[in-house]
Amino acid sequence: MAHWMWMIAGPNGAGKSSFAEQFLVDLGHRALVKLNADERTLALRHHFPQATQNELNLWAAQAIDREVADHIQARRSFMVETVLSSPKYRDDVLTAKAAGFKFGLIYISLHPPELSPLRVSERIAKGGHAVEAAKAMARYHRSHAELIWFAPQADLLMVFDNSAKDGGPILVTSRVNGRSRHDSHSGLNPALDAALAAAFSSPPPVPLTPAQDATAG
């Protein structure tokens, strides 16, 4: 049986957690370990109530990074949820694929960008974790830029737009095992359309070396 590294990615407030877990169950992946830095931060808050938010965020990110590496080394399937606002998971994807993993990417976006902080504010009102509006907007743009690199790496790629308040995410494009992608609803989300066009341009983007990743970060 193939091992899978699943990545659930997209801007803050896009609805990653509420949608993707059930979607993976529907795909037959029922018992995946879920690695989520935001959830880990909340758990750490209970154990370290005097710590600053920045400290908790750093500890959570470091713990998730270690566990991603551990799962790859142990050849265990897993799922990591991320805003994807930096290139830090590039080496993990390449390492996992070299170790025989399949890489699945489910990316969920919003349009216009201002929906990201708006959805976050609605989440806060319901008791969810906070993200500063300016940070959410900056992450929105960086996340779509990172999609350009990650999308072509995926053995299974599914990209959704979740802008509508009701009705659930809409499949924008999909791609399986390196074949030509199937566009279902282009035009819904200009940021997605631009990122996907760049991702599957010819020739495809060249993976950055670790040294270049460090410079980009």
C-alpha atoms as a PDB file:
ATOM      1  CA  MET A   1       0.000   0.000   0.000  1.00  0.00           C
ATOM      2  CA  ALA A   2       1.317   3.451  -0.899  1.00  0.00           C
ATOM      3  CA  HIS A   3       2.101   5.896   1.859  1.00  0.00           C
ATOM      4  CA  TRP A   4       0.663   9.381   1.469  1.00  0.00           C
ATOM      5  CA  MET A   5       1.748  12.818   2.545  1.00  0.00           C
ATOM      6  CA  TRP A   6      -1.426  14.877   2.414  1.00  0.00           C
ATOM      7  CA  MET A   7      -1.291  18.651   2.562  1.00  0.00           C
ATOM      8  CA  ILE A   8      -4.395  20.731   3.229  1.00  0.00           C
ATOM      9  CA  ALA A   9      -3.469  24.277   2.326  1.00  0.00           C
ATOM     10  CA  GLY A  10      -4.892  27.705   1.677  1.00  0.00           C
ATOM     11  CA  PRO A  11      -5.333  31.169   3.175  1.00  0.00           C
ATOM     12  CA  ASN A  12      -6.554  31.835   6.683  1.00  0.00           C
ATOM     13  CA  GLY A  13     -10.334  31.557   6.919  1.00  0.00           C
ATOM     14  CA  ALA A  14     -10.714  29.468   3.756  1.00  0.00           C
ATOM     15  CA  GLY A  15     -12.411  26.618   5.620  1.00  0.00           C
ATOM     16  CA  LYS A  16      -9.591  24.074   5.439  1.00  0.00           C
ATOM     17  CA  SER A  17     -10.303  22.250   8.686  1.00  0.00           C
ATOM     18  CA  SER A  18     -14.056  21.953   8.328  1.00  0.00           C
ATOM     19  CA  PHE A  19     -13.947  20.700   4.739  1.00  0.00           C
ATOM     20  CA  ALA A  20     -10.773  18.725   4.228  1.00  0.00           C
ATOM     21  CA  GLU A  21     -11.043  16.172   7.032  1.00  0.00           C
ATOM     22  CA  GLN A  22     -14.377  14.844   5.791  1.00  0.00           C
ATOM     23  CA  PHE A  23     -13.143  14.969   2.214  1.00  0.00           C
ATOM     24  CA  LEU A  24     -10.194  12.723   3.071  1.00  0.00           C
ATOM     25  CA  VAL A  25     -12.524  10.309   4.842  1.00  0.00           C
ATOM     26  CA  ASP A  26     -14.559  10.193   1.642  1.00  0.00           C
ATOM     27  CA  LEU A  27     -11.364   9.341  -0.250  1.00  0.00           C
ATOM     28  CA  GLY A  28     -10.840   6.378   2.087  1.00  0.00           C
ATOM     29  CA  HIS A  29      -8.177   7.894   4.367  1.00  0.00           C
ATOM     30  CA  ARG A  30      -9.879   7.483   7.745  1.00  0.00           C
ATOM     31  CA  ALA A  31      -7.143   7.150  10.333  1.00  0.00           C
ATOM     32  CA  LEU A  32      -4.599   9.761   9.272  1.00  0.00           C
ATOM     33  CA  VAL A  33      -2.589  11.601  11.885  1.00  0.00           C
ATOM     34  CA  LYS A  34      -3.425  15.290  11.510  1.00  0.00           C
ATOM     35  CA  LEU A  35      -0.654  17.825  12.097  1.00  0.00           C
ATOM     36  CA  ASN A  36      -1.932  21.356  12.612  1.00  0.00           C
ATOM     37  CA  ALA A  37       0.190  24.121  14.162  1.00  0.00           C
ATOM     38  CA  ASP A  38      -2.827  26.240  15.199  1.00  0.00           C
ATOM     39  CA  GLU A  39      -4.370  23.348  17.097  1.00  0.00           C
ATOM     40  CA  ARG A  40      -1.013  22.553  18.668  1.00  0.00           C
ATOM     41  CA  THR A  41      -0.667  26.174  19.797  1.00  0.00           C
ATOM     42  CA  LEU A  42      -4.044  26.013  21.555  1.00  0.00           C
ATOM     43  CA  ALA A  43      -3.023  22.793  23.292  1.00  0.00           C
ATOM     44  CA  LEU A  44       0.255  24.347  24.440  1.00  0.00           C
ATOM     45  CA  ARG A  45      -1.618  27.336  25.857  1.00  0.00           C
ATOM     46  CA  HIS A  46      -3.271  25.055  28.417  1.00  0.00           C
ATOM     47  CA  HIS A  47       0.093  23.709  29.560  1.00  0.00           C
ATOM     48  CA  PHE A  48       2.015  26.999  29.442  1.00  0.00           C
ATOM     49  CA  PRO A  49      -0.474  29.776  30.316  1.00  0.00           C
ATOM     50  CA  GLN A  50       2.306  32.300  31.034  1.00  0.00           C
ATOM     51  CA  ALA A  51       4.011  31.913  27.656  1.00  0.00           C
ATOM     52  CA  THR A  52       3.688  34.637  25.043  1.00  0.00           C
ATOM     53  CA  GLN A  53       1.752  33.986  21.848  1.00  0.00           C
ATOM     54  CA  ASN A  54       4.940  34.211  19.814  1.00  0.00           C
ATOM     55  CA  GLU A  55       6.597  31.597  22.006  1.00  0.00           C
ATOM     56  CA  LEU A  56       3.645  29.253  21.660  1.00  0.00           C
ATOM     57  CA  ASN A  57       3.530  29.738  17.894  1.00  0.00           C
ATOM     58  CA  LEU A  58       7.242  28.948  17.611  1.00  0.00           C
ATOM     59  CA  TRP A  59       7.042  25.845  19.813  1.00  0.00           C
ATOM     60  CA  ALA A  60       4.043  24.543  17.904  1.00  0.00           C
ATOM     61  CA  ALA A  61       5.702  25.095  14.515  1.00  0.00           C
ATOM     62  CA  GLN A  62       8.889  23.371  15.671  1.00  0.00           C
ATOM     63  CA  ALA A  63       6.917  20.407  17.019  1.00  0.00           C
ATOM     64  CA  ILE A  64       4.965  20.012  13.777  1.00  0.00           C
ATOM     65  CA  ASP A  65       8.153  20.226  11.712  1.00  0.00           C
ATOM     66  CA  ARG A  66       9.726  17.426  13.789  1.00  0.00           C
ATOM     67  CA  GLU A  67       6.640  15.245  13.482  1.00  0.00           C
ATOM     68  CA  VAL A  68       6.441  15.697   9.707  1.00  0.00           C
ATOM     69  CA  ALA A  69      10.051  14.528   9.451  1.00  0.00           C
ATOM     70  CA  ASP A  70       9.364  11.631  11.848  1.00  0.00           C
ATOM     71  CA  HIS A  71       6.379  10.398   9.821  1.00  0.00           C
ATOM     72  CA  ILE A  72       8.369  10.489   6.594  1.00  0.00           C
ATOM     73  CA  GLN A  73      11.288   8.629   8.162  1.00  0.00           C
ATOM     74  CA  ALA A  74       8.936   6.020   9.640  1.00  0.00           C
ATOM     75  CA  ARG A  75       7.000   5.750   6.360  1.00  0.00           C
ATOM     76  CA  ARG A  76       3.641   6.525   7.944  1.00  0.00           C
ATOM     77  CA  SER A  77       0.892   8.312   6.037  1.00  0.00           C
ATOM     78  CA  PHE A  78      -0.124  11.650   7.535  1.00  0.00           C
ATOM     79  CA  MET A  79      -1.857  14.939   6.865  1.00  0.00           C
ATOM     80  CA  VAL A  80      -0.448  18.400   7.523  1.00  0.00           C
ATOM     81  CA  GLU A  81      -2.645  21.487   7.464  1.00  0.00           C
ATOM     82  CA  THR A  82      -0.974  24.761   6.577  1.00  0.00           C
ATOM     83  CA  VAL A  83      -1.601  28.249   5.237  1.00  0.00           C
ATOM     84  CA  LEU A  84       1.387  27.532   2.957  1.00  0.00           C
ATOM     85  CA  SER A  85       2.740  31.036   3.310  1.00  0.00           C
ATOM     86  CA  SER A  86       6.400  29.971   3.171  1.00  0.00           C
ATOM     87  CA  PRO A  87       8.518  27.409   1.293  1.00  0.00           C
ATOM     88  CA  LYS A  88       9.394  25.435   4.416  1.00  0.00           C
ATOM     89  CA  TYR A  89       7.574  22.246   3.374  1.00  0.00           C
ATOM     90  CA  ARG A  90       9.292  21.976  -0.003  1.00  0.00           C
ATOM     91  CA  ASP A  91      12.142  19.836   1.309  1.00  0.00           C
ATOM     92  CA  ASP A  92       9.635  17.616   3.151  1.00  0.00           C
ATOM     93  CA  VAL A  93       7.676  17.000  -0.049  1.00  0.00           C
ATOM     94  CA  LEU A  94      10.823  16.154  -2.000  1.00  0.00           C
ATOM     95  CA  THR A  95      12.089  13.891   0.795  1.00  0.00           C
ATOM     96  CA  ALA A  96       8.736  12.112   1.074  1.00  0.00           C
ATOM     97  CA  LYS A  97       8.515  11.519  -2.671  1.00  0.00           C
ATOM     98  CA  ALA A  98      12.082  10.232  -2.770  1.00  0.00           C
ATOM     99  CA  ALA A  99      11.108   7.792   0.002  1.00  0.00           C
ATOM    100  CA  GLY A 100       8.221   6.464  -2.093  1.00  0.00           C
ATOM    101  CA  PHE A 101       5.373   8.539  -0.700  1.00  0.00           C
ATOM    102  CA  LYS A 102       2.523   9.827  -2.819  1.00  0.00           C
ATOM    103  CA  PHE A 103       1.865  13.543  -2.323  1.00  0.00           C
ATOM    104  CA  GLY A 104      -1.722  14.751  -2.217  1.00  0.00           C
ATOM    105  CA  LEU A 105      -2.538  18.461  -2.163  1.00  0.00           C
ATOM    106  CA  ILE A 106      -5.956  19.900  -1.428  1.00  0.00           C
ATOM    107  CA  TYR A 107      -5.852  23.680  -1.766  1.00  0.00           C
ATOM    108  CA  ILE A 108      -8.787  25.873  -0.734  1.00  0.00           C
ATOM    109  CA  SER A 109      -8.911  29.567  -1.594  1.00  0.00           C
ATOM    110  CA  LEU A 110     -11.161  32.628  -1.381  1.00  0.00           C
ATOM    111  CA  HIS A 111     -11.895  35.640  -3.547  1.00  0.00           C
ATOM    112  CA  PRO A 112     -11.528  38.544  -3.080  1.00  0.00           C
ATOM    113  CA  PRO A 113      -8.491  38.512  -0.753  1.00  0.00           C
ATOM    114  CA  GLU A 114     -10.354  40.638   1.807  1.00  0.00           C
ATOM    115  CA  LEU A 115     -12.556  37.624   2.516  1.00  0.00           C
ATOM    116  CA  SER A 116      -9.666  36.003   4.361  1.00  0.00           C
ATOM    117  CA  PRO A 117      -9.521  38.396   7.348  1.00  0.00           C
ATOM    118  CA  LEU A 118     -13.314  38.718   7.247  1.00  0.00           C
ATOM    119  CA  ARG A 119     -13.771  34.963   7.651  1.00  0.00           C
ATOM    120  CA  VAL A 120     -11.154  34.963  10.415  1.00  0.00           C
ATOM    121  CA  SER A 121     -13.125  37.607  12.304  1.00  0.00           C
ATOM    122  CA  GLU A 122     -16.257  35.471  11.980  1.00  0.00           C
ATOM    123  CA  ARG A 123     -14.293  32.501  13.314  1.00  0.00           C
ATOM    124  CA  ILE A 124     -13.047  34.530  16.291  1.00  0.00           C
ATOM    125  CA  ALA A 125     -16.640  35.431  17.140  1.00  0.00           C
ATOM    126  CA  LYS A 126     -17.347  31.702  17.390  1.00  0.00           C
ATOM    127  CA  GLY A 127     -14.358  31.070  19.670  1.00  0.00           C
ATOM    128  CA  GLY A 128     -11.748  30.260  17.023  1.00  0.00           C
ATOM    129  CA  HIS A 129      -8.127  31.371  16.960  1.00  0.00           C
ATOM    130  CA  ALA A 130      -7.217  34.896  15.908  1.00  0.00           C
ATOM    131  CA  VAL A 131      -5.005  36.142  13.072  1.00  0.00           C
ATOM    132  CA  GLU A 132      -4.285  39.838  12.548  1.00  0.00           C
ATOM    133  CA  ALA A 133      -6.003  41.212   9.445  1.00  0.00           C
ATOM    134  CA  ALA A 134      -2.767  42.499   7.903  1.00  0.00           C
ATOM    135  CA  LYS A 135      -1.073  39.149   8.523  1.00  0.00           C
ATOM    136  CA  ALA A 136      -3.979  37.252   6.952  1.00  0.00           C
ATOM    137  CA  MET A 137      -3.797  39.445   3.844  1.00  0.00           C
ATOM    138  CA  ALA A 138      -0.027  39.024   3.511  1.00  0.00           C
ATOM    139  CA  ARG A 139      -0.352  35.262   3.942  1.00  0.00           C
ATOM    140  CA  TYR A 140      -3.079  35.164   1.283  1.00  0.00           C
ATOM    141  CA  HIS A 141      -0.720  36.439  -1.392  1.00  0.00           C
ATOM    142  CA  ARG A 142       2.280  34.386  -0.249  1.00  0.00           C
ATOM    143  CA  SER A 143       0.156  31.228  -0.121  1.00  0.00           C
ATOM    144  CA  HIS A 144      -0.926  31.546  -3.746  1.00  0.00           C
ATOM    145  CA  ALA A 145       2.681  32.208  -4.723  1.00  0.00           C
ATOM    146  CA  GLU A 146       3.760  28.977  -3.006  1.00  0.00           C
ATOM    147  CA  LEU A 147       0.979  27.059  -4.779  1.00  0.00           C
ATOM    148  CA  ILE A 148       2.941  27.612  -8.000  1.00  0.00           C
ATOM    149  CA  TRP A 149       5.692  25.317  -6.717  1.00  0.00           C
ATOM    150  CA  PHE A 150       3.621  22.786  -4.772  1.00  0.00           C
ATOM    151  CA  ALA A 151       0.854  22.095  -7.310  1.00  0.00           C
ATOM    152  CA  PRO A 152       3.043  20.354  -9.935  1.00  0.00           C
ATOM    153  CA  GLN A 153       4.570  18.138  -7.227  1.00  0.00           C
ATOM    154  CA  ALA A 154       1.221  16.569  -6.326  1.00  0.00           C
ATOM    155  CA  ASP A 155       0.269  13.060  -7.403  1.00  0.00           C
ATOM    156  CA  LEU A 156      -3.300  14.091  -6.630  1.00  0.00           C
ATOM    157  CA  LEU A 157      -4.175  17.781  -6.793  1.00  0.00           C
ATOM    158  CA  MET A 158      -7.597  19.233  -6.038  1.00  0.00           C
ATOM    159  CA  VAL A 159      -8.069  22.998  -5.893  1.00  0.00           C
ATOM    160  CA  PHE A 160     -11.251  24.588  -4.565  1.00  0.00           C
ATOM    161  CA  ASP A 161     -12.767  28.037  -4.228  1.00  0.00           C
ATOM    162  CA  ASN A 162     -14.748  28.559  -1.025  1.00  0.00           C
ATOM    163  CA  SER A 163     -15.809  32.164  -1.518  1.00  0.00           C
ATOM    164  CA  ALA A 164     -19.563  31.550  -1.376  1.00  0.00           C
ATOM    165  CA  LYS A 165     -20.963  31.808   2.135  1.00  0.00           C
ATOM    166  CA  ASP A 166     -23.363  28.937   1.486  1.00  0.00           C
ATOM    167  CA  GLY A 167     -23.063  25.860  -0.714  1.00  0.00           C
ATOM    168  CA  GLY A 168     -19.596  24.621   0.123  1.00  0.00           C
ATOM    169  CA  PRO A 169     -16.309  24.687  -1.797  1.00  0.00           C
ATOM    170  CA  ILE A 170     -16.394  24.517  -5.595  1.00  0.00           C
ATOM    171  CA  LEU A 171     -13.829  22.406  -7.435  1.00  0.00           C
ATOM    172  CA  VAL A 172     -11.753  24.673  -9.683  1.00  0.00           C
ATOM    173  CA  THR A 173      -9.207  22.208 -11.043  1.00  0.00           C
ATOM    174  CA  SER A 174      -7.895  18.702 -10.460  1.00  0.00           C
ATOM    175  CA  ARG A 175      -4.926  16.673 -11.658  1.00  0.00           C
ATOM    176  CA  VAL A 176      -3.990  13.029 -11.110  1.00  0.00           C
ATOM    177  CA  ASN A 177      -0.597  11.333 -11.541  1.00  0.00           C
ATOM    178  CA  GLY A 178       0.945  14.068 -13.659  1.00  0.00           C
ATOM    179  CA  ARG A 179      -1.698  13.973 -16.367  1.00  0.00           C
ATOM    180  CA  SER A 180      -3.215  17.122 -17.831  1.00  0.00           C
ATOM    181  CA  ARG A 181      -5.225  19.026 -15.292  1.00  0.00           C
ATOM    182  CA  HIS A 182      -8.995  19.215 -15.565  1.00  0.00           C
ATOM    183  CA  ASP A 183     -10.382  22.723 -15.112  1.00  0.00           C
ATOM    184  CA  SER A 184     -13.910  22.751 -13.765  1.00  0.00           C
ATOM    185  CA  HIS A 185     -14.631  26.366 -12.820  1.00  0.00           C
ATOM    186  CA  SER A 186     -11.908  28.708 -14.019  1.00  0.00           C
ATOM    187  CA  GLY A 187     -12.779  32.388 -13.652  1.00  0.00           C
ATOM    188  CA  LEU A 188     -14.140  32.110 -10.118  1.00  0.00           C
ATOM    189  CA  ASN A 189     -10.915  33.129  -8.442  1.00  0.00           C
ATOM    190  CA  PRO A 190      -8.319  35.246 -10.306  1.00  0.00           C
ATOM    191  CA  ALA A 191      -5.572  34.481  -7.772  1.00  0.00           C
ATOM    192  CA  LEU A 192      -6.065  30.759  -8.277  1.00  0.00           C
ATOM    193  CA  ASP A 193      -6.222  31.086 -12.052  1.00  0.00           C
ATOM    194  CA  ALA A 194      -2.956  33.043 -12.116  1.00  0.00           C
ATOM    195  CA  ALA A 195      -1.157  30.650  -9.764  1.00  0.00           C
ATOM    196  CA  LEU A 196      -2.275  27.557 -11.669  1.00  0.00           C
ATOM    197  CA  ALA A 197      -1.322  29.086 -15.004  1.00  0.00           C
ATOM    198  CA  ALA A 198       2.157  29.783 -13.648  1.00  0.00           C
ATOM    199  CA  ALA A 199       2.394  26.359 -11.986  1.00  0.00           C
ATOM    200  CA  PHE A 200       1.728  24.470 -15.201  1.00  0.00           C
ATOM    201  CA  SER A 201       3.520  26.724 -17.605  1.00  0.00           C
ATOM    202  CA  SER A 202       6.058  25.155 -19.944  1.00  0.00           C
ATOM    203  CA  PRO A 203       8.730  24.519 -18.797  1.00  0.00           C
ATOM    204  CA  PRO A 204       7.486  23.967 -15.224  1.00  0.00           C
ATOM    205  CA  PRO A 205       9.090  25.847 -12.330  1.00  0.00           C
ATOM    206  CA  VAL A 206      12.482  24.499 -11.269  1.00  0.00           C
ATOM    207  CA  PRO A 207      12.557  23.333  -7.607  1.00  0.00           C
ATOM    208  CA  LEU A 208      14.671  25.581  -5.407  1.00  0.00           C
ATOM    209  CA  THR A 209      17.689  24.175  -3.638  1.00  0.00           C
ATOM    210  CA  PRO A 210      17.682  24.249   0.190  1.00  0.00           C
ATOM    211  CA  ALA A 211      20.053  27.237   0.086  1.00  0.00           C
ATOM    212  CA  GLN A 212      17.684  29.107  -2.214  1.00  0.00           C
ATOM    213  CA  ASP A 213      14.748  28.157   0.043  1.00  0.00           C
ATOM    214  CA  ALA A 214      16.515  29.719   3.005  1.00  0.00           C
ATOM    215  CA  THR A 215      17.069  32.910   1.034  1.00  0.00           C
ATOM    216  CA  ALA A 216      13.446  32.989  -0.091  1.00  0.00           C
ATOM    217  CA  GLY A 217      12.160  32.523   3.470  1.00  0.00           C
END
